[in-house]
Amino acid sequence: MKIGKTVKWMFLFAISNLSAQNNYSIDFGINAQPTENIKSNEVSLEIDYSKTFDTKVRIANEFKFNSKKINYFNYDFSNSLTEYYKIRNKFALTYLKSEKLNFNFEIEPFIASEYNLNVADIDLLGGLSIDFILSPKKEIRLGLSRNTSLGKPKILPVFSYYYAYNKEFSFSIGFPETNIKYSNNPRNSFYIKNSFTGDVYNLENTFKSFSLNSTKSSFSQQTTSLEYERNMDANWFVNFKVGYDFNRKYLLQDSNYNTTFDFNIKDGCNFGITIKYKH
């Protein structure tokens, strides 16, 4: 894998700002998605930080690198391997208008390619949303976002209703994610989540035998999962996830996101573990 200079600068920017922030975290995760005909293994590194200025403006930055390796079992190139890489940097700005109203702006440049990350493949995601704070326990978020939740860059509505019943139990219902959280003590947290996730990558030459018009690959699924997070000490956390992916899709597409080949992958289980450091 080759990484361009711009990608390296994105990483250095994320690292160099850690010491200047109020809060930051570093996550390292491993995820496996085995199916009957294809197996996907992912490794990710995420660096987050945030800071609030004068109680009115809050900024947050999320840098993430992801590596996805695909093994094929029931195709002409059985036992072969495809590698995908993605790097993104999401910057979020929140204006705390009042105790009842917040405005959120996000911008997220990303590069996602097969084998090599090239600056020429850069694309832009982002969104706008408004938080309506009904009470200390209730909050509604409404907005629009250009994201890849459905397997290609697309402008979609985002919404959520958050309610905290007490310190132990809370939930958020919305799109693209719904979750329920329960903590039986300060060190243990349990989650039930349902989320829509997707990615799109620029192709090189691996799949030319399937379709001469393929320039992109697309992944999407709906995942329902159970997660357990353990606070090991003041800074270290470990998260275990077991879930099931519904409506999995792995497609080859042309430059207009029209499907040129469908791998017809099966629905299946999703396993993950993440180690987190929070400061």
C-alpha atoms as a PDB file:
ATOM      1  CA  MET A   1       0.000   0.000   0.000  1.00  0.00           C
ATOM      2  CA  LYS A   2       1.233   3.462  -0.918  1.00  0.00           C
ATOM      3  CA  ILE A   3       0.144   6.536   0.998  1.00  0.00           C
ATOM      4  CA  GLY A   4       0.408   9.986  -0.590  1.00  0.00           C
ATOM      5  CA  LYS A   5       1.852  13.070   1.069  1.00  0.00           C
ATOM      6  CA  THR A   6      -1.580  14.626   1.642  1.00  0.00           C
ATOM      7  CA  VAL A   7      -2.699  11.530   3.544  1.00  0.00           C
ATOM      8  CA  LYS A   8       0.399  11.690   5.742  1.00  0.00           C
ATOM      9  CA  TRP A   9      -0.262  15.349   6.503  1.00  0.00           C
ATOM     10  CA  MET A  10      -3.848  14.502   7.526  1.00  0.00           C
ATOM     11  CA  PHE A  11      -2.470  11.984  10.022  1.00  0.00           C
ATOM     12  CA  LEU A  12       0.181  14.364  11.359  1.00  0.00           C
ATOM     13  CA  PHE A  13      -2.444  17.091  11.781  1.00  0.00           C
ATOM     14  CA  ALA A  14      -4.559  14.783  13.947  1.00  0.00           C
ATOM     15  CA  ILE A  15      -1.576  13.740  16.085  1.00  0.00           C
ATOM     16  CA  SER A  16      -0.119  17.225  16.540  1.00  0.00           C
ATOM     17  CA  ASN A  17      -3.372  18.624  17.934  1.00  0.00           C
ATOM     18  CA  LEU A  18      -3.864  16.058  20.691  1.00  0.00           C
ATOM     19  CA  SER A  19      -1.898  17.899  23.357  1.00  0.00           C
ATOM     20  CA  ALA A  20      -3.798  21.119  22.713  1.00  0.00           C
ATOM     21  CA  GLN A  21      -7.246  19.666  23.352  1.00  0.00           C
ATOM     22  CA  ASN A  22      -9.371  19.236  26.450  1.00  0.00           C
ATOM     23  CA  ASN A  23     -10.389  15.667  25.626  1.00  0.00           C
ATOM     24  CA  TYR A  24      -9.011  13.041  23.299  1.00  0.00           C
ATOM     25  CA  SER A  25      -9.237   9.313  22.720  1.00  0.00           C
ATOM     26  CA  ILE A  26      -7.424   6.668  20.679  1.00  0.00           C
ATOM     27  CA  ASP A  27      -9.217   3.505  19.512  1.00  0.00           C
ATOM     28  CA  PHE A  28      -7.794   0.365  17.919  1.00  0.00           C
ATOM     29  CA  GLY A  29     -10.320  -2.141  16.604  1.00  0.00           C
ATOM     30  CA  ILE A  30     -10.542  -5.518  14.851  1.00  0.00           C
ATOM     31  CA  ASN A  31     -13.692  -6.745  13.119  1.00  0.00           C
ATOM     32  CA  ALA A  32     -14.543 -10.004  11.308  1.00  0.00           C
ATOM     33  CA  GLN A  33     -17.510 -10.695   9.006  1.00  0.00           C
ATOM     34  CA  PRO A  34     -17.489 -14.340   7.862  1.00  0.00           C
ATOM     35  CA  THR A  35     -20.031 -15.549   5.293  1.00  0.00           C
ATOM     36  CA  GLU A  36     -20.511 -18.649   3.158  1.00  0.00           C
ATOM     37  CA  ASN A  37     -18.742 -17.263   0.089  1.00  0.00           C
ATOM     38  CA  ILE A  38     -16.689 -14.266   1.299  1.00  0.00           C
ATOM     39  CA  LYS A  39     -14.835 -13.386   4.494  1.00  0.00           C
ATOM     40  CA  SER A  40     -14.043  -9.797   5.451  1.00  0.00           C
ATOM     41  CA  ASN A  41     -11.490  -8.772   8.095  1.00  0.00           C
ATOM     42  CA  GLU A  42     -11.035  -5.154   9.150  1.00  0.00           C
ATOM     43  CA  VAL A  43      -8.495  -3.292  11.265  1.00  0.00           C
ATOM     44  CA  SER A  44      -9.043   0.342  12.270  1.00  0.00           C
ATOM     45  CA  LEU A  45      -7.268   3.124  14.134  1.00  0.00           C
ATOM     46  CA  GLU A  46      -9.222   6.163  15.292  1.00  0.00           C
ATOM     47  CA  ILE A  47      -8.055   9.368  16.999  1.00  0.00           C
ATOM     48  CA  ASP A  48     -10.655  11.801  18.389  1.00  0.00           C
ATOM     49  CA  TYR A  49     -10.338  15.105  20.197  1.00  0.00           C
ATOM     50  CA  SER A  50     -12.635  17.924  21.254  1.00  0.00           C
ATOM     51  CA  LYS A  51     -12.496  21.348  22.895  1.00  0.00           C
ATOM     52  CA  THR A  52     -15.048  23.931  24.021  1.00  0.00           C
ATOM     53  CA  PHE A  53     -14.385  27.669  23.687  1.00  0.00           C
ATOM     54  CA  ASP A  54     -16.101  30.269  25.899  1.00  0.00           C
ATOM     55  CA  THR A  55     -19.002  27.843  26.529  1.00  0.00           C
ATOM     56  CA  LYS A  56     -20.474  28.759  23.117  1.00  0.00           C
ATOM     57  CA  VAL A  57     -18.381  26.936  20.524  1.00  0.00           C
ATOM     58  CA  ARG A  58     -17.277  23.327  20.576  1.00  0.00           C
ATOM     59  CA  ILE A  59     -14.973  21.737  17.993  1.00  0.00           C
ATOM     60  CA  ALA A  60     -14.264  18.051  17.481  1.00  0.00           C
ATOM     61  CA  ASN A  61     -11.985  16.208  15.094  1.00  0.00           C
ATOM     62  CA  GLU A  62     -12.146  12.506  14.243  1.00  0.00           C
ATOM     63  CA  PHE A  63      -9.346  10.897  12.245  1.00  0.00           C
ATOM     64  CA  LYS A  64      -9.748   7.261  11.177  1.00  0.00           C
ATOM     65  CA  PHE A  65      -7.701   4.780   9.162  1.00  0.00           C
ATOM     66  CA  ASN A  66      -9.329   1.520   8.069  1.00  0.00           C
ATOM     67  CA  SER A  67      -7.948  -1.559   6.346  1.00  0.00           C
ATOM     68  CA  LYS A  68     -10.335  -4.166   4.878  1.00  0.00           C
ATOM     69  CA  LYS A  69      -9.188  -7.518   3.470  1.00  0.00           C
ATOM     70  CA  ILE A  70     -11.570  -9.711   1.458  1.00  0.00           C
ATOM     71  CA  ASN A  71     -11.101 -13.457   0.946  1.00  0.00           C
ATOM     72  CA  TYR A  72     -13.129 -15.219  -1.775  1.00  0.00           C
ATOM     73  CA  PHE A  73     -14.169 -18.876  -1.669  1.00  0.00           C
ATOM     74  CA  ASN A  74     -16.715 -19.578  -4.428  1.00  0.00           C
ATOM     75  CA  TYR A  75     -15.525 -17.514  -7.367  1.00  0.00           C
ATOM     76  CA  ASP A  76     -13.167 -17.984 -10.311  1.00  0.00           C
ATOM     77  CA  PHE A  77     -10.391 -16.362  -8.285  1.00  0.00           C
ATOM     78  CA  SER A  78     -11.008 -18.555  -5.228  1.00  0.00           C
ATOM     79  CA  ASN A  79      -8.558 -18.120  -2.321  1.00  0.00           C
ATOM     80  CA  SER A  80      -7.420 -14.763  -3.692  1.00  0.00           C
ATOM     81  CA  LEU A  81      -7.288 -11.572  -1.634  1.00  0.00           C
ATOM     82  CA  THR A  82      -8.454  -8.009  -2.215  1.00  0.00           C
ATOM     83  CA  GLU A  83      -7.275  -5.190   0.030  1.00  0.00           C
ATOM     84  CA  TYR A  84      -9.128  -1.923   0.552  1.00  0.00           C
ATOM     85  CA  TYR A  85      -7.905   1.107   2.490  1.00  0.00           C
ATOM     86  CA  LYS A  86      -9.719   4.185   3.714  1.00  0.00           C
ATOM     87  CA  ILE A  87      -8.604   7.312   5.529  1.00  0.00           C
ATOM     88  CA  ARG A  88     -10.895  10.122   6.646  1.00  0.00           C
ATOM     89  CA  ASN A  89     -10.829  13.211   8.817  1.00  0.00           C
ATOM     90  CA  LYS A  90     -14.139  14.567  10.126  1.00  0.00           C
ATOM     91  CA  PHE A  91     -14.178  18.069  11.581  1.00  0.00           C
ATOM     92  CA  ALA A  92     -17.285  19.126  13.526  1.00  0.00           C
ATOM     93  CA  LEU A  93     -18.242  22.587  14.766  1.00  0.00           C
ATOM     94  CA  THR A  94     -21.100  23.093  17.223  1.00  0.00           C
ATOM     95  CA  TYR A  95     -22.538  26.487  18.101  1.00  0.00           C
ATOM     96  CA  LEU A  96     -24.206  26.320  21.511  1.00  0.00           C
ATOM     97  CA  LYS A  97     -26.899  28.890  20.790  1.00  0.00           C
ATOM     98  CA  SER A  98     -28.736  28.483  24.074  1.00  0.00           C
ATOM     99  CA  GLU A  99     -29.694  25.906  26.662  1.00  0.00           C
ATOM    100  CA  LYS A 100     -32.412  24.761  24.249  1.00  0.00           C
ATOM    101  CA  LEU A 101     -30.749  24.958  20.830  1.00  0.00           C
ATOM    102  CA  ASN A 102     -27.473  23.857  19.192  1.00  0.00           C
ATOM    103  CA  PHE A 103     -26.308  24.131  15.558  1.00  0.00           C
ATOM    104  CA  ASN A 104     -23.918  21.513  14.151  1.00  0.00           C
ATOM    105  CA  PHE A 105     -21.718  21.611  11.046  1.00  0.00           C
ATOM    106  CA  GLU A 106     -19.540  18.726   9.821  1.00  0.00           C
ATOM    107  CA  ILE A 107     -17.061  18.398   6.964  1.00  0.00           C
ATOM    108  CA  GLU A 108     -15.309  15.120   6.191  1.00  0.00           C
ATOM    109  CA  PRO A 109     -12.730  14.669   3.417  1.00  0.00           C
ATOM    110  CA  PHE A 110     -11.947  11.003   2.773  1.00  0.00           C
ATOM    111  CA  ILE A 111      -9.927   8.777   0.472  1.00  0.00           C
ATOM    112  CA  ALA A 112     -10.921   5.144  -0.114  1.00  0.00           C
ATOM    113  CA  SER A 113      -9.160   2.950  -2.663  1.00  0.00           C
ATOM    114  CA  GLU A 114      -8.162  -0.560  -3.583  1.00  0.00           C
ATOM    115  CA  TYR A 115      -4.516  -1.225  -2.609  1.00  0.00           C
ATOM    116  CA  ASN A 116      -3.164   2.346  -2.927  1.00  0.00           C
ATOM    117  CA  LEU A 117      -4.441   5.581  -1.403  1.00  0.00           C
ATOM    118  CA  ASN A 118      -4.222   8.347  -4.002  1.00  0.00           C
ATOM    119  CA  VAL A 119      -4.975  12.025  -3.446  1.00  0.00           C
ATOM    120  CA  ALA A 120      -6.812  12.049  -6.789  1.00  0.00           C
ATOM    121  CA  ASP A 121      -9.487   9.845  -5.198  1.00  0.00           C
ATOM    122  CA  ILE A 122     -10.402  12.345  -2.461  1.00  0.00           C
ATOM    123  CA  ASP A 123     -14.118  12.999  -1.907  1.00  0.00           C
ATOM    124  CA  LEU A 124     -16.076  15.122   0.542  1.00  0.00           C
ATOM    125  CA  LEU A 125     -18.819  14.235   3.009  1.00  0.00           C
ATOM    126  CA  GLY A 126     -20.476  16.370   5.664  1.00  0.00           C
ATOM    127  CA  GLY A 127     -23.719  17.696   7.009  1.00  0.00           C
ATOM    128  CA  LEU A 128     -25.794  20.219   8.946  1.00  0.00           C
ATOM    129  CA  SER A 129     -28.064  19.503  11.898  1.00  0.00           C
ATOM    130  CA  ILE A 130     -29.938  21.191  14.744  1.00  0.00           C
ATOM    131  CA  ASP A 131     -30.273  19.912  18.310  1.00  0.00           C
ATOM    132  CA  PHE A 132     -33.512  20.758  20.104  1.00  0.00           C
ATOM    133  CA  ILE A 133     -32.887  20.261  23.840  1.00  0.00           C
ATOM    134  CA  LEU A 134     -36.305  19.652  25.345  1.00  0.00           C
ATOM    135  CA  SER A 135     -35.022  18.989  28.864  1.00  0.00           C
ATOM    136  CA  PRO A 136     -31.847  17.739  30.564  1.00  0.00           C
ATOM    137  CA  LYS A 137     -33.043  14.218  29.704  1.00  0.00           C
ATOM    138  CA  LYS A 138     -34.601  14.700  26.257  1.00  0.00           C
ATOM    139  CA  GLU A 139     -33.085  15.856  22.964  1.00  0.00           C
ATOM    140  CA  ILE A 140     -34.064  15.770  19.278  1.00  0.00           C
ATOM    141  CA  ARG A 141     -31.624  16.116  16.372  1.00  0.00           C
ATOM    142  CA  LEU A 142     -32.720  16.888  12.796  1.00  0.00           C
ATOM    143  CA  GLY A 143     -30.531  17.489   9.763  1.00  0.00           C
ATOM    144  CA  LEU A 144     -29.125  16.500   6.391  1.00  0.00           C
ATOM    145  CA  SER A 145     -25.877  14.658   5.724  1.00  0.00           C
ATOM    146  CA  ARG A 146     -23.912  13.537   2.686  1.00  0.00           C
ATOM    147  CA  ASN A 147     -22.664  10.119   3.787  1.00  0.00           C
ATOM    148  CA  THR A 148     -22.059   6.565   2.553  1.00  0.00           C
ATOM    149  CA  SER A 149     -24.440   4.742   4.918  1.00  0.00           C
ATOM    150  CA  LEU A 150     -26.243   3.133   1.962  1.00  0.00           C
ATOM    151  CA  GLY A 151     -23.107   2.227  -0.004  1.00  0.00           C
ATOM    152  CA  LYS A 152     -22.512   5.396  -2.018  1.00  0.00           C
ATOM    153  CA  PRO A 153     -22.153   9.130  -1.304  1.00  0.00           C
ATOM    154  CA  LYS A 154     -25.680  10.435  -0.979  1.00  0.00           C
ATOM    155  CA  ILE A 155     -27.507  13.261   0.791  1.00  0.00           C
ATOM    156  CA  LEU A 156     -29.790  11.713   3.398  1.00  0.00           C
ATOM    157  CA  PRO A 157     -31.872  12.934   6.335  1.00  0.00           C
ATOM    158  CA  VAL A 158     -30.425  12.304   9.794  1.00  0.00           C
ATOM    159  CA  PHE A 159     -32.535  12.334  12.919  1.00  0.00           C
ATOM    160  CA  SER A 160     -32.546  11.029  16.466  1.00  0.00           C
ATOM    161  CA  TYR A 161     -34.553  11.204  19.650  1.00  0.00           C
ATOM    162  CA  TYR A 162     -32.465  10.821  22.810  1.00  0.00           C
ATOM    163  CA  TYR A 163     -33.891  10.097  26.246  1.00  0.00           C
ATOM    164  CA  ALA A 164     -32.014   9.444  29.488  1.00  0.00           C
ATOM    165  CA  TYR A 165     -34.299   7.677  31.945  1.00  0.00           C
ATOM    166  CA  ASN A 166     -31.644   7.836  34.665  1.00  0.00           C
ATOM    167  CA  LYS A 167     -27.874   7.500  35.045  1.00  0.00           C
ATOM    168  CA  GLU A 168     -28.060   3.781  34.279  1.00  0.00           C
ATOM    169  CA  PHE A 169     -30.473   3.658  31.319  1.00  0.00           C
ATOM    170  CA  SER A 170     -30.738   5.751  28.133  1.00  0.00           C
ATOM    171  CA  PHE A 171     -31.634   5.288  24.482  1.00  0.00           C
ATOM    172  CA  SER A 172     -31.449   7.051  21.119  1.00  0.00           C
ATOM    173  CA  ILE A 173     -33.810   6.225  18.240  1.00  0.00           C
ATOM    174  CA  GLY A 174     -33.016   7.454  14.748  1.00  0.00           C
ATOM    175  CA  PHE A 175     -31.166   7.106  11.452  1.00  0.00           C
ATOM    176  CA  PRO A 176     -28.525   5.956  10.670  1.00  0.00           C
ATOM    177  CA  GLU A 177     -28.209   4.509  14.204  1.00  0.00           C
ATOM    178  CA  THR A 178     -30.448   3.466  17.057  1.00  0.00           C
ATOM    179  CA  ASN A 179     -28.987   2.372  20.389  1.00  0.00           C
ATOM    180  CA  ILE A 180     -29.970   1.425  23.923  1.00  0.00           C
ATOM    181  CA  LYS A 181     -27.469   1.758  26.772  1.00  0.00           C
ATOM    182  CA  TYR A 182     -27.540   0.245  30.256  1.00  0.00           C
ATOM    183  CA  SER A 183     -24.852   0.554  32.948  1.00  0.00           C
ATOM    184  CA  ASN A 184     -25.185  -1.563  36.059  1.00  0.00           C
ATOM    185  CA  ASN A 185     -22.174   0.230  37.610  1.00  0.00           C
ATOM    186  CA  PRO A 186     -19.628   2.912  36.578  1.00  0.00           C
ATOM    187  CA  ARG A 187     -17.309   0.313  35.009  1.00  0.00           C
ATOM    188  CA  ASN A 188     -19.753  -1.752  32.920  1.00  0.00           C
ATOM    189  CA  SER A 189     -21.866  -0.614  29.974  1.00  0.00           C
ATOM    190  CA  PHE A 190     -24.116  -2.733  27.745  1.00  0.00           C
ATOM    191  CA  TYR A 191     -25.419  -1.593  24.352  1.00  0.00           C
ATOM    192  CA  ILE A 192     -27.963  -2.834  21.847  1.00  0.00           C
ATOM    193  CA  LYS A 193     -27.422  -1.104  18.507  1.00  0.00           C
ATOM    194  CA  ASN A 194     -28.991  -1.092  15.060  1.00  0.00           C
ATOM    195  CA  SER A 195     -27.060   0.826  12.413  1.00  0.00           C
ATOM    196  CA  PHE A 196     -26.855   1.328   8.656  1.00  0.00           C
ATOM    197  CA  THR A 197     -23.248   1.448   7.439  1.00  0.00           C
ATOM    198  CA  GLY A 198     -21.577   1.505   4.052  1.00  0.00           C
ATOM    199  CA  ASP A 199     -18.400   2.299   2.160  1.00  0.00           C
ATOM    200  CA  VAL A 200     -17.351   2.988  -1.401  1.00  0.00           C
ATOM    201  CA  TYR A 201     -13.833   2.443  -2.784  1.00  0.00           C
ATOM    202  CA  ASN A 202     -12.091   3.367  -6.028  1.00  0.00           C
ATOM    203  CA  LEU A 203     -10.857   0.341  -7.973  1.00  0.00           C
ATOM    204  CA  GLU A 204      -7.623  -0.431  -9.781  1.00  0.00           C
ATOM    205  CA  ASN A 205      -7.550  -3.537 -11.992  1.00  0.00           C
ATOM    206  CA  THR A 206      -8.575  -6.515  -9.864  1.00  0.00           C
ATOM    207  CA  PHE A 207     -12.089  -6.959 -11.226  1.00  0.00           C
ATOM    208  CA  LYS A 208     -11.654  -6.076 -14.902  1.00  0.00           C
ATOM    209  CA  SER A 209     -12.471  -9.678 -15.810  1.00  0.00           C
ATOM    210  CA  PHE A 210     -15.953  -9.229 -14.313  1.00  0.00           C
ATOM    211  CA  SER A 211     -16.791  -5.898 -15.861  1.00  0.00           C
ATOM    212  CA  LEU A 212     -14.706  -3.537 -17.959  1.00  0.00           C
ATOM    213  CA  ASN A 213     -16.848  -0.642 -16.743  1.00  0.00           C
ATOM    214  CA  SER A 214     -16.222  -1.160 -13.011  1.00  0.00           C
ATOM    215  CA  THR A 215     -14.464   1.767 -11.364  1.00  0.00           C
ATOM    216  CA  LYS A 216     -15.811   1.454  -7.793  1.00  0.00           C
ATOM    217  CA  SER A 217     -16.761  -1.154  -5.217  1.00  0.00           C
ATOM    218  CA  SER A 218     -19.611  -0.640  -2.758  1.00  0.00           C
ATOM    219  CA  PHE A 219     -20.331  -2.223   0.635  1.00  0.00           C
ATOM    220  CA  SER A 220     -23.480  -1.775   2.713  1.00  0.00           C
ATOM    221  CA  GLN A 221     -25.408  -3.567   5.450  1.00  0.00           C
ATOM    222  CA  GLN A 222     -27.763  -3.144   8.375  1.00  0.00           C
ATOM    223  CA  THR A 223     -26.174  -4.398  11.592  1.00  0.00           C
ATOM    224  CA  THR A 224     -27.915  -5.300  14.845  1.00  0.00           C
ATOM    225  CA  SER A 225     -25.405  -5.879  17.638  1.00  0.00           C
ATOM    226  CA  LEU A 226     -24.917  -6.437  21.336  1.00  0.00           C
ATOM    227  CA  GLU A 227     -21.886  -4.717  22.863  1.00  0.00           C
ATOM    228  CA  TYR A 228     -20.204  -4.831  26.245  1.00  0.00           C
ATOM    229  CA  GLU A 229     -17.747  -2.138  27.298  1.00  0.00           C
ATOM    230  CA  ARG A 230     -15.531  -2.474  30.363  1.00  0.00           C
ATOM    231  CA  ASN A 231     -13.708   0.408  32.012  1.00  0.00           C
ATOM    232  CA  MET A 232     -10.403  -1.203  33.016  1.00  0.00           C
ATOM    233  CA  ASP A 233      -9.189   1.913  34.853  1.00  0.00           C
ATOM    234  CA  ALA A 234      -9.494   5.690  34.594  1.00  0.00           C
ATOM    235  CA  ASN A 235      -8.305   5.781  30.969  1.00  0.00           C
ATOM    236  CA  TRP A 236      -8.425   2.306  29.413  1.00  0.00           C
ATOM    237  CA  PHE A 237     -11.558   0.664  28.027  1.00  0.00           C
ATOM    238  CA  VAL A 238     -12.240  -2.534  26.090  1.00  0.00           C
ATOM    239  CA  ASN A 239     -15.337  -3.111  23.936  1.00  0.00           C
ATOM    240  CA  PHE A 240     -16.639  -6.498  22.715  1.00  0.00           C
ATOM    241  CA  LYS A 241     -19.235  -6.718  19.948  1.00  0.00           C
ATOM    242  CA  VAL A 242     -21.283  -9.572  18.499  1.00  0.00           C
ATOM    243  CA  GLY A 243     -23.899  -8.835  15.880  1.00  0.00           C
ATOM    244  CA  TYR A 244     -25.679  -9.906  12.738  1.00  0.00           C
ATOM    245  CA  ASP A 245     -25.567  -8.157   9.348  1.00  0.00           C
ATOM    246  CA  PHE A 246     -28.780  -7.984   7.322  1.00  0.00           C
ATOM    247  CA  ASN A 247     -29.115  -7.089   3.642  1.00  0.00           C
ATOM    248  CA  ARG A 248     -25.359  -7.287   3.042  1.00  0.00           C
ATOM    249  CA  LYS A 249     -24.248  -6.012  -0.340  1.00  0.00           C
ATOM    250  CA  TYR A 250     -20.891  -6.092  -2.095  1.00  0.00           C
ATOM    251  CA  LEU A 251     -21.180  -4.548  -5.544  1.00  0.00           C
ATOM    252  CA  LEU A 252     -18.983  -3.376  -8.387  1.00  0.00           C
ATOM    253  CA  GLN A 253     -20.145  -0.116  -9.929  1.00  0.00           C
ATOM    254  CA  ASP A 254     -19.335   2.269 -12.759  1.00  0.00           C
ATOM    255  CA  SER A 255     -18.454   5.936 -12.324  1.00  0.00           C
ATOM    256  CA  ASN A 256     -22.178   6.804 -12.002  1.00  0.00           C
ATOM    257  CA  TYR A 257     -22.736   4.208  -9.237  1.00  0.00           C
ATOM    258  CA  ASN A 258     -24.684   1.858 -11.503  1.00  0.00           C
ATOM    259  CA  THR A 259     -24.181  -1.795 -10.540  1.00  0.00           C
ATOM    260  CA  THR A 260     -21.998  -3.781 -12.946  1.00  0.00           C
ATOM    261  CA  PHE A 261     -21.518  -6.917 -10.819  1.00  0.00           C
ATOM    262  CA  ASP A 262     -23.130  -8.306  -7.643  1.00  0.00           C
ATOM    263  CA  PHE A 263     -21.174 -10.759  -5.466  1.00  0.00           C
ATOM    264  CA  ASN A 264     -24.437 -11.862  -3.793  1.00  0.00           C
ATOM    265  CA  ILE A 265     -22.809 -12.236  -0.390  1.00  0.00           C
ATOM    266  CA  LYS A 266     -24.862 -13.814   2.361  1.00  0.00           C
ATOM    267  CA  ASP A 267     -26.070 -12.217   5.577  1.00  0.00           C
ATOM    268  CA  GLY A 268     -24.070 -13.321   8.582  1.00  0.00           C
ATOM    269  CA  CYS A 269     -22.449 -12.669  11.938  1.00  0.00           C
ATOM    270  CA  ASN A 270     -20.261  -9.733  12.846  1.00  0.00           C
ATOM    271  CA  PHE A 271     -17.615  -9.901  15.589  1.00  0.00           C
ATOM    272  CA  GLY A 272     -15.446  -7.098  16.892  1.00  0.00           C
ATOM    273  CA  ILE A 273     -13.137  -5.994  19.691  1.00  0.00           C
ATOM    274  CA  THR A 274     -11.900  -2.451  20.329  1.00  0.00           C
ATOM    275  CA  ILE A 275      -9.332  -1.155  22.811  1.00  0.00           C
ATOM    276  CA  LYS A 276      -9.785   2.491  23.782  1.00  0.00           C
ATOM    277  CA  TYR A 277      -7.678   5.066  25.575  1.00  0.00           C
ATOM    278  CA  LYS A 278      -9.567   8.146  26.781  1.00  0.00           C
ATOM    279  CA  HIS A 279      -8.125  11.282  28.348  1.00  0.00           C
END
